[in-house]
Amino acid sequence: MASDRRSTLKRKLIDTGSDSDNETEKTAKYIKTKSEAPRLCPYLDTINRQFLDFDFEKLCSVSLSRINVYACLVCGKYFQGRGTNTHAYTHSVAESHHVFLNLHTLKFYCLPDNYEIVDSSLDDIKYVLNPTFDKMQITQLDKSDKQSRAIDGSMYSPGIVGMNNIKANDYCNVILQALSHVTPLRDFFLREFNYAHVRRPPGDSSYLLVQRFGELMRKLWNPRNFKAHVSPHEMLQAVVLWSKKRFQFTEQGDPVDFLSWFLNALHLALNGTKKRDSSIIYKTFLGHMRIYTRKIPPLELEESQRSELLHTVEYGETVTESPFLYLTCDLPPPPLFKDQFTENIIPQVNLYTLLNKFNAVTEKEYKTYKENFMKRFEITELPPYLILYIKRFTKNTFFVEKNPTIVNFPVKNVDFGDILTSEVKAKHPYTTYDLVANIVHDGEPGQGTYRVHILHKATGQWYELQDLHVTQILPQMITLTEAYVQIYELRKDTHMENGDNKNKKVM
């Protein structure tokens, strides 16, 4: 009796749980003896590549289990198991769908006959599920203008593809799209070898965030995609999990909040420390500044008392060293007056005016609940990629107000050397940056939508991406938008130092 129970239990485990490659000794012996001459499958022509979508969570559509999941290559649905009485087996018999792919081992099988299919014509499916890049391919990404063709015949440029908006995740989409065009970050995550060795303590799932971001990056740059768009579903599931539901894809959020959390979470997941070289995040975005702070004596005091306080230690200026991953630029308050056409004037401001905040001279007042401070900022180290956050939203007691001021900025040759002190500038041989991504907010605060402008380096063409929509855009039109987050790349061209034109003659 005990032997019969063990036999029954073993059969159940074989049918539903264990890896299907070892389901029975008979199957194992068959694979071992027949591997030299794999059996040809007569059902390969039933595969429908248009239905294949590997961007979603690898869950069985019936049991919702992640264990031993197969994709039906006829209808695209996911099912668990391969043995008799499993969901995949039942689906095969009921629907006459016979070709399945193990989403973990990347092996193909024919059901219900239960034999492995080995055929080079299926390699494109494996590549879509798990795109890989070698060093040579990566070096050509910013040089090749070759377009790819999706199954439906549409053409797309790798890296310039739409991204699904599942419900309200456009605020995440624009950040992920922008980061995918930061060259060192992209190159790092395109090769899983760079971070596969990173290990986390038991129970720490932060590595899942790294893994999912790498998978999304490889899909965005895949030159052999079946479709000209990608879904960030698995990436966002990892975000919801690791942020403890702080960021959702069912509710609108703020791209800046997500960007700040995401960069720090990736840095920590990659075992990053306070040192610059401890992660690709710090190597790419980390800069440093000095913050000079002094307290302001209460206004209700007499002038003589306030003057005396200014010379005390408590009200003296203090200096703190502060690292940063992005700079916050403050917009001037918009005018309240209306013009002759009874319409609100749309004010404009120059980017360099905003950057004067960091020139070590300009002071600004900051108010807290109890005290007021005057602060000035001095950049002491510029990063290879500089992120600017243009603060458009002000939270009052009852509502959030948006500042519609247009920021005038060039898309090339932005010289940040003008805001550096002479001492700091001497340490920076290059201070000229080019724009590579521009995130825009449209509409009312808390309700609007986000879109992003991306530079395709190989062609020099700018594109506007808003969820699944991808269109070309002129650089002049980018500067007319309500820019919210920008990413600039340091130019290290020896002919373009500090904004000097490479064609400029040497006297």
Protein backbone atom coordinates (compact mmCIF):
# COMPACT_ATOMS: atom_id res chain seq x y z
CA MET A 1 0.00 0.00 0.00
CA ALA A 2 2.77 2.42 0.92
CA SER A 3 4.50 1.61 -2.36
CA ASP A 4 1.28 2.33 -4.28
CA ARG A 5 0.85 5.69 -2.53
CA ARG A 6 4.44 6.69 -3.32
CA SER A 7 3.90 5.69 -6.94
CA THR A 8 0.68 7.73 -7.17
CA LEU A 9 2.34 10.76 -5.55
CA LYS A 10 5.29 10.50 -7.91
CA ARG A 11 2.99 10.40 -10.93
CA LYS A 12 1.13 13.54 -9.76
CA LEU A 13 4.38 15.43 -9.29
CA ILE A 14 5.46 14.40 -12.76
CA ASP A 15 2.20 15.58 -14.31
CA THR A 16 1.96 19.04 -12.74
CA GLY A 17 5.10 20.20 -11.02
CA SER A 18 8.60 19.12 -11.92
CA ASP A 19 10.54 20.22 -14.96
CA SER A 20 8.99 18.52 -17.94
CA ASP A 21 12.40 17.51 -19.31
CA ASN A 22 12.60 14.86 -16.57
CA GLU A 23 8.97 13.82 -16.34
CA THR A 24 9.55 10.11 -16.95
CA GLU A 25 12.55 7.87 -17.28
CA LYS A 26 11.18 6.75 -20.60
CA THR A 27 11.14 10.31 -21.94
CA ALA A 28 14.64 10.94 -20.62
CA LYS A 29 15.97 7.81 -22.33
CA TYR A 30 14.20 8.77 -25.56
CA ILE A 31 15.78 12.23 -25.59
CA LYS A 32 19.17 10.80 -24.78
CA THR A 33 19.14 8.16 -27.54
CA LYS A 34 17.36 10.20 -30.20
CA SER A 35 18.94 13.63 -29.69
CA GLU A 36 21.25 13.10 -32.65
CA ALA A 37 18.25 12.89 -35.00
CA PRO A 38 15.44 15.08 -33.65
CA ARG A 39 11.98 14.16 -34.77
CA LEU A 40 10.50 16.46 -37.42
CA CYS A 41 7.23 18.13 -36.44
CA PRO A 42 4.40 18.36 -39.00
CA TYR A 43 2.69 21.20 -37.10
CA LEU A 44 5.27 24.00 -37.48
CA ASP A 45 3.11 25.71 -40.07
CA THR A 46 0.38 26.20 -37.43
CA ILE A 47 2.58 28.63 -35.47
CA ASN A 48 1.13 32.15 -35.52
CA ARG A 49 3.86 34.65 -34.73
CA GLN A 50 1.41 37.56 -34.71
CA PHE A 51 -0.16 36.14 -31.54
CA LEU A 52 3.14 35.73 -29.69
CA ASP A 53 3.71 38.30 -26.97
CA PHE A 54 6.40 37.56 -24.37
CA ASP A 55 6.20 40.94 -22.60
CA PHE A 56 3.71 39.83 -19.96
CA GLU A 57 4.25 37.88 -16.76
CA LYS A 58 5.07 34.24 -17.37
CA LEU A 59 2.02 32.87 -15.55
CA CYS A 60 -0.20 29.93 -16.43
CA SER A 61 -3.49 31.39 -17.68
CA VAL A 62 -5.41 28.73 -15.69
CA SER A 63 -3.50 28.08 -12.45
CA LEU A 64 -1.62 31.45 -12.33
CA SER A 65 1.51 29.48 -11.41
CA ARG A 66 5.01 30.58 -12.44
CA ILE A 67 6.35 27.02 -12.30
CA ASN A 68 7.06 25.16 -15.51
CA VAL A 69 5.15 27.50 -17.85
CA TYR A 70 4.79 26.89 -21.58
CA ALA A 71 3.62 29.24 -24.32
CA CYS A 72 1.27 27.85 -26.95
CA LEU A 73 2.76 29.05 -30.23
CA VAL A 74 -0.58 28.77 -32.00
CA CYS A 75 -2.69 31.08 -29.81
CA GLY A 76 -0.03 32.71 -27.62
CA LYS A 77 -1.54 31.72 -24.25
CA TYR A 78 0.52 30.40 -21.32
CA PHE A 79 -0.09 27.05 -19.67
CA GLN A 80 1.61 25.02 -16.93
CA GLY A 81 3.22 21.63 -17.35
CA ARG A 82 3.60 19.24 -20.26
CA GLY A 83 2.72 15.82 -18.89
CA THR A 84 -0.64 14.07 -18.95
CA ASN A 85 -3.45 15.99 -17.20
CA THR A 86 -1.48 19.27 -17.15
CA HIS A 87 -3.06 22.48 -18.42
CA ALA A 88 -0.83 22.60 -21.50
CA TYR A 89 -1.63 18.96 -22.33
CA THR A 90 -5.37 19.55 -21.91
CA HIS A 91 -5.22 22.68 -24.06
CA SER A 92 -3.38 20.80 -26.79
CA VAL A 93 -5.98 18.03 -26.92
CA ALA A 94 -9.02 20.31 -26.64
CA GLU A 95 -7.91 22.94 -29.18
CA SER A 96 -5.63 20.88 -31.44
CA HIS A 97 -2.76 23.26 -30.73
CA HIS A 98 0.42 21.23 -30.81
CA VAL A 99 3.57 23.43 -30.65
CA PHE A 100 4.70 24.75 -27.25
CA LEU A 101 7.74 26.63 -25.93
CA ASN A 102 9.12 26.23 -22.41
CA LEU A 103 9.57 29.85 -21.31
CA HIS A 104 12.43 28.94 -18.99
CA THR A 105 14.53 26.41 -20.92
CA LEU A 106 13.64 27.85 -24.38
CA LYS A 107 12.96 24.33 -25.68
CA PHE A 108 10.14 23.51 -28.10
CA TYR A 109 7.80 20.54 -27.73
CA CYS A 110 4.96 18.92 -29.64
CA LEU A 111 1.94 17.94 -27.57
CA PRO A 112 0.24 15.64 -26.83
CA ASP A 113 2.89 13.38 -28.42
CA ASN A 114 5.41 14.93 -26.00
CA TYR A 115 8.60 15.06 -28.05
CA GLU A 116 11.15 17.87 -28.37
CA ILE A 117 11.32 19.86 -31.60
CA VAL A 118 14.71 21.00 -32.81
CA ASP A 119 14.44 23.24 -35.86
CA SER A 120 16.46 26.31 -36.81
CA SER A 121 13.33 27.99 -38.20
CA LEU A 122 12.25 28.56 -34.59
CA ASP A 123 15.34 30.57 -33.63
CA ASP A 124 13.58 33.87 -34.29
CA ILE A 125 10.99 33.03 -31.63
CA LYS A 126 13.70 32.31 -29.06
CA TYR A 127 15.41 35.58 -29.91
CA VAL A 128 12.21 37.59 -29.38
CA LEU A 129 11.74 35.93 -25.99
CA ASN A 130 15.35 36.53 -24.98
CA PRO A 131 17.24 39.02 -27.20
CA THR A 132 21.02 38.99 -26.77
CA PHE A 133 23.69 41.47 -27.84
CA ASP A 134 27.42 41.08 -28.26
CA LYS A 135 29.95 43.90 -27.97
CA MET A 136 30.15 44.43 -31.73
CA GLN A 137 26.38 44.84 -32.05
CA ILE A 138 26.30 47.34 -29.20
CA THR A 139 29.02 49.52 -30.73
CA GLN A 140 26.97 49.80 -33.92
CA LEU A 141 23.68 50.86 -32.30
CA ASP A 142 24.42 54.59 -32.52
CA LYS A 143 25.97 54.30 -35.97
CA SER A 144 23.57 52.14 -37.97
CA ASP A 145 20.55 53.76 -39.59
CA LYS A 146 19.18 50.40 -40.75
CA GLN A 147 15.50 49.92 -40.03
CA SER A 148 13.78 46.67 -39.03
CA ARG A 149 10.54 45.19 -40.30
CA ALA A 150 7.84 43.84 -37.98
CA ILE A 151 5.60 40.91 -38.91
CA ASP A 152 2.79 43.23 -39.98
CA GLY A 153 5.16 44.91 -42.44
CA SER A 154 5.63 48.12 -40.47
CA MET A 155 9.16 49.55 -40.25
CA TYR A 156 10.82 50.69 -37.04
CA SER A 157 14.23 51.80 -35.80
CA PRO A 158 15.58 49.73 -32.87
CA GLY A 159 15.34 51.86 -29.74
CA ILE A 160 12.57 54.02 -31.21
CA VAL A 161 9.52 51.88 -30.46
CA GLY A 162 6.25 52.59 -28.69
CA MET A 163 5.39 51.36 -25.22
CA ASN A 164 1.98 50.20 -24.00
CA ASN A 165 0.06 52.36 -21.56
CA ILE A 166 -1.67 49.65 -19.54
CA LYS A 167 -3.86 52.17 -17.74
CA ALA A 168 -2.00 55.16 -16.30
CA ASN A 169 1.69 54.33 -16.54
CA ASP A 170 2.73 56.99 -19.07
CA TYR A 171 4.67 58.71 -16.27
CA CYS A 172 6.84 55.56 -16.02
CA ASN A 173 7.03 55.01 -19.77
CA VAL A 174 8.65 58.37 -20.50
CA ILE A 175 11.36 57.79 -17.87
CA LEU A 176 12.12 54.27 -19.13
CA GLN A 177 12.25 55.51 -22.74
CA ALA A 178 14.57 58.38 -21.82
CA LEU A 179 16.93 56.16 -19.81
CA SER A 180 17.10 53.66 -22.68
CA HIS A 181 18.95 56.35 -24.69
CA VAL A 182 21.61 57.04 -22.08
CA THR A 183 24.42 55.23 -23.87
CA PRO A 184 26.52 53.82 -20.96
CA LEU A 185 23.39 52.76 -19.08
CA ARG A 186 21.93 51.11 -22.19
CA ASP A 187 25.18 49.34 -23.08
CA PHE A 188 25.52 48.01 -19.53
CA PHE A 189 22.02 46.53 -19.39
CA LEU A 190 22.04 45.12 -22.93
CA ARG A 191 24.54 42.50 -21.76
CA GLU A 192 23.16 40.41 -18.90
CA PHE A 193 26.71 39.28 -18.15
CA ASN A 194 27.39 42.72 -16.61
CA TYR A 195 24.96 42.21 -13.74
CA ALA A 196 24.22 38.47 -13.64
CA HIS A 197 26.88 38.03 -10.93
CA VAL A 198 25.19 40.49 -8.57
CA ARG A 199 23.74 38.57 -5.65
CA ARG A 200 21.36 39.78 -2.97
CA PRO A 201 20.66 38.38 0.53
CA PRO A 202 17.96 35.68 0.82
CA GLY A 203 14.51 37.21 0.63
CA ASP A 204 15.76 40.38 -1.09
CA SER A 205 13.93 40.70 -4.41
CA SER A 206 15.59 43.95 -5.53
CA TYR A 207 17.60 42.06 -8.14
CA LEU A 208 14.30 41.43 -9.93
CA LEU A 209 14.19 45.17 -10.69
CA VAL A 210 17.62 44.97 -12.34
CA GLN A 211 16.71 41.85 -14.29
CA ARG A 212 13.42 43.29 -15.56
CA PHE A 213 15.03 46.58 -16.60
CA GLY A 214 17.68 44.66 -18.52
CA GLU A 215 15.01 42.59 -20.28
CA LEU A 216 13.04 45.73 -21.20
CA MET A 217 16.18 47.42 -22.52
CA ARG A 218 17.00 44.45 -24.74
CA LYS A 219 13.44 44.35 -26.09
CA LEU A 220 13.42 48.07 -26.86
CA TRP A 221 16.61 47.69 -28.90
CA ASN A 222 15.74 44.31 -30.43
CA PRO A 223 16.28 44.52 -34.23
CA ARG A 224 14.16 41.37 -34.80
CA ASN A 225 10.94 42.16 -32.92
CA PHE A 226 7.66 40.72 -34.16
CA LYS A 227 5.93 44.05 -33.48
CA ALA A 228 6.98 47.69 -33.42
CA HIS A 229 6.09 48.25 -29.77
CA VAL A 230 6.92 46.78 -26.35
CA SER A 231 4.85 46.31 -23.21
CA PRO A 232 6.53 47.25 -19.88
CA HIS A 233 4.17 44.97 -17.93
CA GLU A 234 6.84 42.78 -16.28
CA MET A 235 9.02 45.81 -15.58
CA LEU A 236 6.14 47.62 -13.89
CA GLN A 237 5.19 44.56 -11.85
CA ALA A 238 8.71 44.61 -10.42
CA VAL A 239 8.36 48.36 -9.73
CA VAL A 240 5.07 47.87 -7.86
CA LEU A 241 6.58 45.04 -5.82
CA TRP A 242 9.87 46.69 -4.92
CA SER A 243 8.36 50.14 -4.24
CA LYS A 244 5.77 48.49 -1.95
CA LYS A 245 2.98 49.82 -4.19
CA ARG A 246 4.20 53.40 -3.99
CA PHE A 247 4.24 53.46 -7.79
CA GLN A 248 1.32 51.88 -9.63
CA PHE A 249 0.42 51.54 -13.28
CA THR A 250 -3.27 52.07 -12.52
CA GLU A 251 -2.82 55.59 -11.08
CA GLN A 252 -1.10 58.63 -12.55
CA GLY A 253 2.19 59.53 -10.87
CA ASP A 254 5.03 62.03 -11.11
CA PRO A 255 7.95 61.11 -13.44
CA VAL A 256 10.42 62.94 -11.19
CA ASP A 257 9.41 60.97 -8.11
CA PHE A 258 9.67 57.75 -10.10
CA LEU A 259 13.03 58.74 -11.62
CA SER A 260 14.54 59.57 -8.24
CA TRP A 261 13.32 56.33 -6.66
CA PHE A 262 14.22 54.19 -9.67
CA LEU A 263 17.82 55.39 -9.98
CA ASN A 264 18.47 54.94 -6.27
CA ALA A 265 16.77 51.52 -6.24
CA LEU A 266 18.87 50.32 -9.19
CA HIS A 267 22.03 51.66 -7.55
CA LEU A 268 21.35 49.76 -4.33
CA ALA A 269 20.27 46.60 -6.18
CA LEU A 270 23.63 46.65 -8.00
CA ASN A 271 25.38 46.71 -4.60
CA GLY A 272 26.19 50.38 -5.02
CA THR A 273 27.83 52.39 -2.25
CA LYS A 274 28.66 56.09 -1.82
CA LYS A 275 31.64 55.72 -4.16
CA ARG A 276 31.27 56.94 -7.74
CA ASP A 277 32.52 53.73 -9.34
CA SER A 278 30.31 51.45 -7.26
CA SER A 279 27.54 51.21 -9.88
CA ILE A 280 26.74 52.19 -13.45
CA ILE A 281 24.10 54.60 -12.04
CA TYR A 282 26.64 56.69 -10.13
CA LYS A 283 29.21 56.47 -12.92
CA THR A 284 26.67 57.97 -15.31
CA PHE A 285 24.62 60.50 -13.32
CA LEU A 286 26.40 61.38 -10.06
CA GLY A 287 27.50 64.97 -9.61
CA HIS A 288 28.50 67.02 -6.57
CA MET A 289 27.70 70.47 -5.23
CA ARG A 290 28.27 72.68 -2.21
CA ILE A 291 25.29 74.19 -0.46
CA TYR A 292 25.82 77.42 1.49
CA THR A 293 23.08 78.02 4.06
CA ARG A 294 22.40 80.87 6.49
CA LYS A 295 19.43 81.53 8.74
CA ILE A 296 17.42 84.75 8.45
CA PRO A 297 16.62 86.52 11.72
CA PRO A 298 12.89 87.01 12.42
CA LEU A 299 11.46 90.10 10.71
CA GLU A 300 9.62 91.22 13.85
CA LEU A 301 12.95 92.00 15.55
CA GLU A 302 14.40 95.49 15.46
CA GLU A 303 17.08 96.22 12.91
CA SER A 304 19.82 96.47 15.54
CA GLN A 305 18.88 93.09 17.00
CA ARG A 306 18.80 91.49 13.56
CA SER A 307 22.24 92.93 12.76
CA GLU A 308 23.67 91.51 15.96
CA LEU A 309 22.24 88.06 15.25
CA LEU A 310 23.81 88.02 11.79
CA HIS A 311 27.25 87.99 13.43
CA THR A 312 26.52 85.05 15.72
CA VAL A 313 27.55 81.46 15.03
CA GLU A 314 23.93 80.35 14.84
CA TYR A 315 23.20 82.72 11.97
CA GLY A 316 26.53 82.30 10.23
CA GLU A 317 26.85 80.57 6.87
CA THR A 318 27.34 76.81 6.87
CA VAL A 319 28.69 74.71 4.02
CA THR A 320 27.65 71.15 3.21
CA GLU A 321 28.86 68.83 0.47
CA SER A 322 25.98 67.19 -1.36
CA PRO A 323 25.87 64.58 -4.14
CA PHE A 324 23.10 64.79 -6.73
CA LEU A 325 21.59 62.65 -9.48
CA TYR A 326 19.60 65.54 -10.95
CA LEU A 327 19.37 69.32 -10.59
CA THR A 328 16.11 71.07 -9.69
CA CYS A 329 15.53 74.27 -11.69
CA ASP A 330 13.01 76.76 -10.28
CA LEU A 331 10.72 78.61 -12.68
CA PRO A 332 9.93 82.27 -12.02
CA PRO A 333 6.31 82.82 -10.92
CA PRO A 334 4.02 83.50 -13.89
CA PRO A 335 2.46 86.98 -14.23
CA LEU A 336 -1.10 87.40 -13.07
CA PHE A 337 -2.01 90.11 -15.58
CA LYS A 338 -3.79 89.52 -18.87
CA ASP A 339 -2.95 90.99 -22.24
CA GLN A 340 -5.16 93.08 -24.54
CA PHE A 341 -6.78 89.92 -25.95
CA THR A 342 -7.92 88.96 -22.42
CA GLU A 343 -5.83 85.82 -22.55
CA ASN A 344 -3.18 84.76 -20.09
CA ILE A 345 0.29 85.66 -21.18
CA ILE A 346 2.48 82.57 -21.61
CA PRO A 347 5.79 83.69 -20.10
CA GLN A 348 9.17 82.51 -21.33
CA VAL A 349 12.52 82.15 -19.64
CA ASN A 350 15.99 81.24 -20.84
CA LEU A 351 17.54 78.00 -19.61
CA TYR A 352 20.73 79.82 -18.61
CA THR A 353 18.64 82.06 -16.33
CA LEU A 354 17.42 78.98 -14.48
CA LEU A 355 20.95 77.58 -14.25
CA ASN A 356 22.19 80.73 -12.50
CA LYS A 357 20.80 79.15 -9.36
CA PHE A 358 23.96 77.00 -9.30
CA ASN A 359 26.59 79.70 -9.95
CA ALA A 360 27.64 79.92 -6.27
CA VAL A 361 26.50 83.56 -6.12
CA THR A 362 22.72 83.64 -6.56
CA GLU A 363 20.86 83.35 -3.25
CA LYS A 364 17.29 82.17 -2.80
CA GLU A 365 15.04 82.17 0.23
CA TYR A 366 13.61 78.89 1.50
CA LYS A 367 10.87 78.80 4.07
CA THR A 368 10.16 76.11 6.62
CA TYR A 369 7.47 75.83 9.25
CA LYS A 370 9.51 77.63 11.90
CA GLU A 371 12.50 79.30 10.19
CA ASN A 372 13.61 80.91 6.96
CA PHE A 373 16.93 80.28 5.22
CA MET A 374 18.96 81.78 2.41
CA LYS A 375 20.77 79.26 0.24
CA ARG A 376 23.20 79.37 -2.65
CA PHE A 377 24.51 76.43 -4.65
CA GLU A 378 27.91 75.74 -6.19
CA ILE A 379 28.43 72.82 -8.56
CA THR A 380 31.78 71.22 -7.85
CA GLU A 381 31.59 68.24 -10.23
CA LEU A 382 29.56 67.72 -13.40
CA PRO A 383 28.44 64.18 -14.32
CA PRO A 384 28.77 62.57 -17.79
CA TYR A 385 24.97 62.77 -18.11
CA LEU A 386 23.18 65.69 -16.48
CA ILE A 387 19.48 65.46 -15.59
CA LEU A 388 17.51 68.69 -15.18
CA TYR A 389 14.17 68.75 -13.38
CA ILE A 390 12.18 71.87 -14.24
CA LYS A 391 9.86 72.36 -11.28
CA ARG A 392 6.43 73.12 -12.76
CA PHE A 393 4.13 72.06 -9.95
CA THR A 394 3.61 73.85 -6.64
CA LYS A 395 1.63 72.14 -3.90
CA ASN A 396 -0.50 74.52 -1.89
CA THR A 397 -2.78 73.73 1.04
CA PHE A 398 -5.78 72.86 -1.11
CA PHE A 399 -4.56 72.19 -4.64
CA VAL A 400 -1.60 71.73 -6.98
CA GLU A 401 -0.78 74.62 -9.32
CA LYS A 402 1.11 74.28 -12.61
CA ASN A 403 3.51 76.89 -13.96
CA PRO A 404 3.14 77.03 -17.79
CA THR A 405 6.32 79.04 -18.41
CA ILE A 406 8.12 78.02 -21.60
CA VAL A 407 11.86 77.36 -21.17
CA ASN A 408 13.98 78.42 -24.13
CA PHE A 409 16.87 75.99 -24.54
CA PRO A 410 19.17 74.83 -27.34
CA VAL A 411 19.24 71.13 -28.17
CA LYS A 412 23.00 71.27 -28.77
CA ASN A 413 26.06 72.98 -27.30
CA VAL A 414 24.66 73.90 -23.88
CA ASP A 415 27.71 75.18 -22.01
CA PHE A 416 27.42 74.57 -18.27
CA GLY A 417 30.88 76.02 -17.79
CA ASP A 418 29.35 79.48 -17.49
CA ILE A 419 27.90 78.66 -14.06
CA LEU A 420 31.10 77.08 -12.69
CA THR A 421 33.61 78.98 -10.61
CA SER A 422 37.03 79.42 -12.19
CA GLU A 423 38.50 76.93 -9.73
CA VAL A 424 35.94 74.23 -10.57
CA LYS A 425 36.03 74.98 -14.29
CA ALA A 426 39.79 74.36 -14.34
CA LYS A 427 39.07 70.75 -13.32
CA HIS A 428 36.57 70.22 -16.16
CA PRO A 429 38.17 70.09 -19.62
CA TYR A 430 34.71 69.61 -21.15
CA THR A 431 31.56 71.44 -20.08
CA THR A 432 29.41 71.37 -23.23
CA TYR A 433 26.32 69.15 -23.30
CA ASP A 434 23.84 67.99 -25.94
CA LEU A 435 20.20 67.15 -25.23
CA VAL A 436 19.30 63.46 -25.69
CA ALA A 437 15.83 63.28 -24.06
CA ASN A 438 13.11 65.80 -23.20
CA ILE A 439 10.03 64.86 -21.16
CA VAL A 440 6.94 67.06 -21.49
CA HIS A 441 3.75 67.38 -19.45
CA ASP A 442 0.50 68.38 -21.15
CA GLY A 443 -2.76 69.32 -19.45
CA GLU A 444 -3.85 70.02 -15.91
CA PRO A 445 -1.80 68.98 -12.87
CA GLY A 446 -2.57 65.46 -11.73
CA GLN A 447 -4.66 64.75 -14.81
CA GLY A 448 -2.47 65.47 -17.82
CA THR A 449 -0.36 63.20 -19.96
CA TYR A 450 3.35 62.78 -20.57
CA ARG A 451 5.37 62.40 -23.76
CA VAL A 452 9.07 62.24 -24.46
CA HIS A 453 11.36 63.48 -27.22
CA ILE A 454 14.24 61.17 -28.08
CA LEU A 455 17.27 61.73 -30.29
CA HIS A 456 18.14 58.88 -32.65
CA LYS A 457 21.89 59.35 -32.79
CA ALA A 458 22.52 57.28 -35.91
CA THR A 459 20.34 59.54 -38.06
CA GLY A 460 20.26 62.73 -36.00
CA GLN A 461 16.47 62.61 -36.21
CA TRP A 462 14.29 63.56 -33.24
CA TYR A 463 11.22 61.49 -32.39
CA GLU A 464 8.22 62.10 -30.18
CA LEU A 465 7.00 59.05 -28.26
CA GLN A 466 3.68 59.01 -26.45
CA ASP A 467 2.77 55.48 -25.43
CA LEU A 468 2.30 53.54 -28.71
CA HIS A 469 2.55 56.62 -30.93
CA VAL A 470 5.92 57.34 -32.52
CA THR A 471 6.33 60.37 -34.82
CA GLN A 472 9.18 62.44 -36.16
CA ILE A 473 9.54 65.97 -34.79
CA LEU A 474 11.66 68.99 -35.69
CA PRO A 475 14.14 70.20 -33.04
CA GLN A 476 12.58 73.68 -33.23
CA MET A 477 9.26 72.27 -32.07
CA ILE A 478 10.81 70.62 -29.02
CA THR A 479 11.81 73.97 -27.54
CA LEU A 480 8.18 75.19 -27.64
CA THR A 481 6.90 72.51 -25.28
CA GLU A 482 6.46 72.59 -21.51
CA ALA A 483 9.67 70.75 -20.74
CA TYR A 484 9.62 68.91 -17.41
CA VAL A 485 12.65 66.58 -17.28
CA GLN A 486 15.69 66.76 -19.55
CA ILE A 487 18.77 64.56 -19.95
CA TYR A 488 21.95 66.08 -21.37
CA GLU A 489 25.03 64.20 -22.56
CA LEU A 490 28.53 65.60 -22.03
CA ARG A 491 30.30 66.14 -25.33
CA LYS A 492 33.91 64.98 -25.30
CA ASP A 493 34.70 65.85 -28.89
CA THR A 494 38.22 67.24 -28.97
CA HIS A 495 37.08 69.72 -31.62
CA MET A 496 34.20 70.99 -29.52
CA GLU A 497 35.68 71.99 -26.20
CA ASN A 498 33.62 74.47 -24.18
CA GLY A 499 31.34 75.11 -27.14
CA ASP A 500 34.07 76.02 -29.65
CA ASN A 501 33.08 75.16 -33.19
CA LYS A 502 35.16 72.35 -34.69
CA ASN A 503 35.49 74.34 -37.91
CA LYS A 504 36.87 77.35 -36.11
CA LYS A 505 40.30 78.28 -37.44
CA VAL A 506 43.25 78.37 -35.12
CA MET A 507 44.92 81.78 -35.23
